[in-house]
Amino acid sequence: MHHFHYVNGELCCEGVRIDHIADRVGTPFYLYSHATLTRHFNAFDQAFDGIDRLVCYSAKANSSQAILRLFAHLGSGLDIVSGGELFRGLKAGFDPAKIVYSGVGKTAAEIDSALKHGIFMLNVESRPELELINQRAAILGCRAPIAVRVNPDVDPKTHPYISTGLKKNKFGLSPPAAREVYRAAQRLEHIEIKGIDCHIGSQITEADPFRDALVHLRGLIDQLARDKIDIRVVDVGGGLGITYQDEHPPHPTDYGAAVRAGLAGLDVRLVLEPGRVIVGNAGLLVTRVLYRKEGDRKLFLVVDAGMNDLIRPSLYDAQHDIWPVREATGPNRVVADVVGPICETGDFLSRDREVPDALPGDLLAVMSAGAYGFTMTSNYCSRLRVPEVMVKDDAFHIIRKRQTYDDLIAGEVIPDFL
């Protein structure tokens, strides 16, 4: 459920007309519903009532300060994959003791920062990373709390670019290799073995892959117990999908039931890392039609948002519903490509699909853009990053200003010889 709906033919976010926001801030822009963000987080968290758990929102899905602050106020922890996300999370008010650090390429400086701030846990992806963490902890005079990320070779049945739990993926270790890393960690003076970690992919729309992954984890946990390695935390990652068009992902309660069943009998603290399922359908991208171009073989609706603003369609061939901001009164659909102004054939928001028939000046809403939308934007073609807006009840708030041309060259230096 989300809080985008038509009132008297005008698309609204909660109690605010979207065309009124466009008149004030211009287009394109990202728009988020405070009520939807809150509802989605609480629904996910409550699916695990009665379990000792730490829900760590995945910052990479959407790391805007206002959104992070909202989740921190709701009691969330944070899943991070970079020093920049640690910085953002701390600035937004997250308790370091609720931060989990994932990712295959942590630098020494990033590890130092995480240890100095006393985060909850670092998820180790390789033996060399474990050794570096131990070295940095020794220098800092502390013990580093770690989990080892296990790659269970489970097919998450999602796009190959966002699958992370197969043997061919760069993430984690096979169960036998993970066991050896745990044994090595057991001998290191500045390592505290805290848990085990598994993340199999993103936009997963079936429960079976999660169950299969947990079966692998249970087997390894039993082996580690025989090695006298006590696992107190199980990080099951994230990856629960959303409905973009025709998908039917499990409801958080069904996902929660699958996780409960998989961990039944274990006395552990559960860590979860939801991202897309919380923010995906809580945001959209608003764009304005510039031109209606009749090609020889197809119709193009040229809009002012491009692949630099929302790269998912170009990168993953992702499909986002497109709604007219002013509701049509009758049949008003055409087969067309909705394309942007970037000089790439891959610059499209929708391709060869039915979309609202629109004229220059009309506003369109690209739905389900709250996750991996703004966070993956760029300045390609020297285009300005767009503003972000959040609606709460009957008022809207600009939570990120539109860039200026001066912002484009901020930090650049022309050497004296030029």
Foldseek 3Di string as FASTA:
>chain_A
DAQWDDDPQFTDHFQAGPVVVCVVANDKAKEFEPVLLVVLVVQLVVLQPPAQAAEAAECLFPLFLVSLLSVQVVVHHHEEAALVSVVSNVVSPHQQCRYEYEYADYDLVSLLVSVVSPHNEYEYWALVVLVSNLVSLVVVVAAHEYAYEEQDQFDLPDFPVFFARHPPHSGTYHLVRRLVSVVVQVPRPRYDYEAYEYDGGAQRAELVSLLSVLVRVVVSCVVVVVVVRHHAEYESEEHFRDPQDPGHHDRSSVNSVSVCVSCPPDNHYYYYHYYLSSFQQRMKIKWFFAAWDDDPVFIEGEIADKCLQFVCCLPRVDAHAKAWSRHDPDDFKDQHWYAYDDPDPSITRDHRDIHGHDHGGTMMIGGRQRTRGLSRHDCVVPNWHGWYWYDYNNDIDTSGHIDDSVVSCPPPDDDPVD
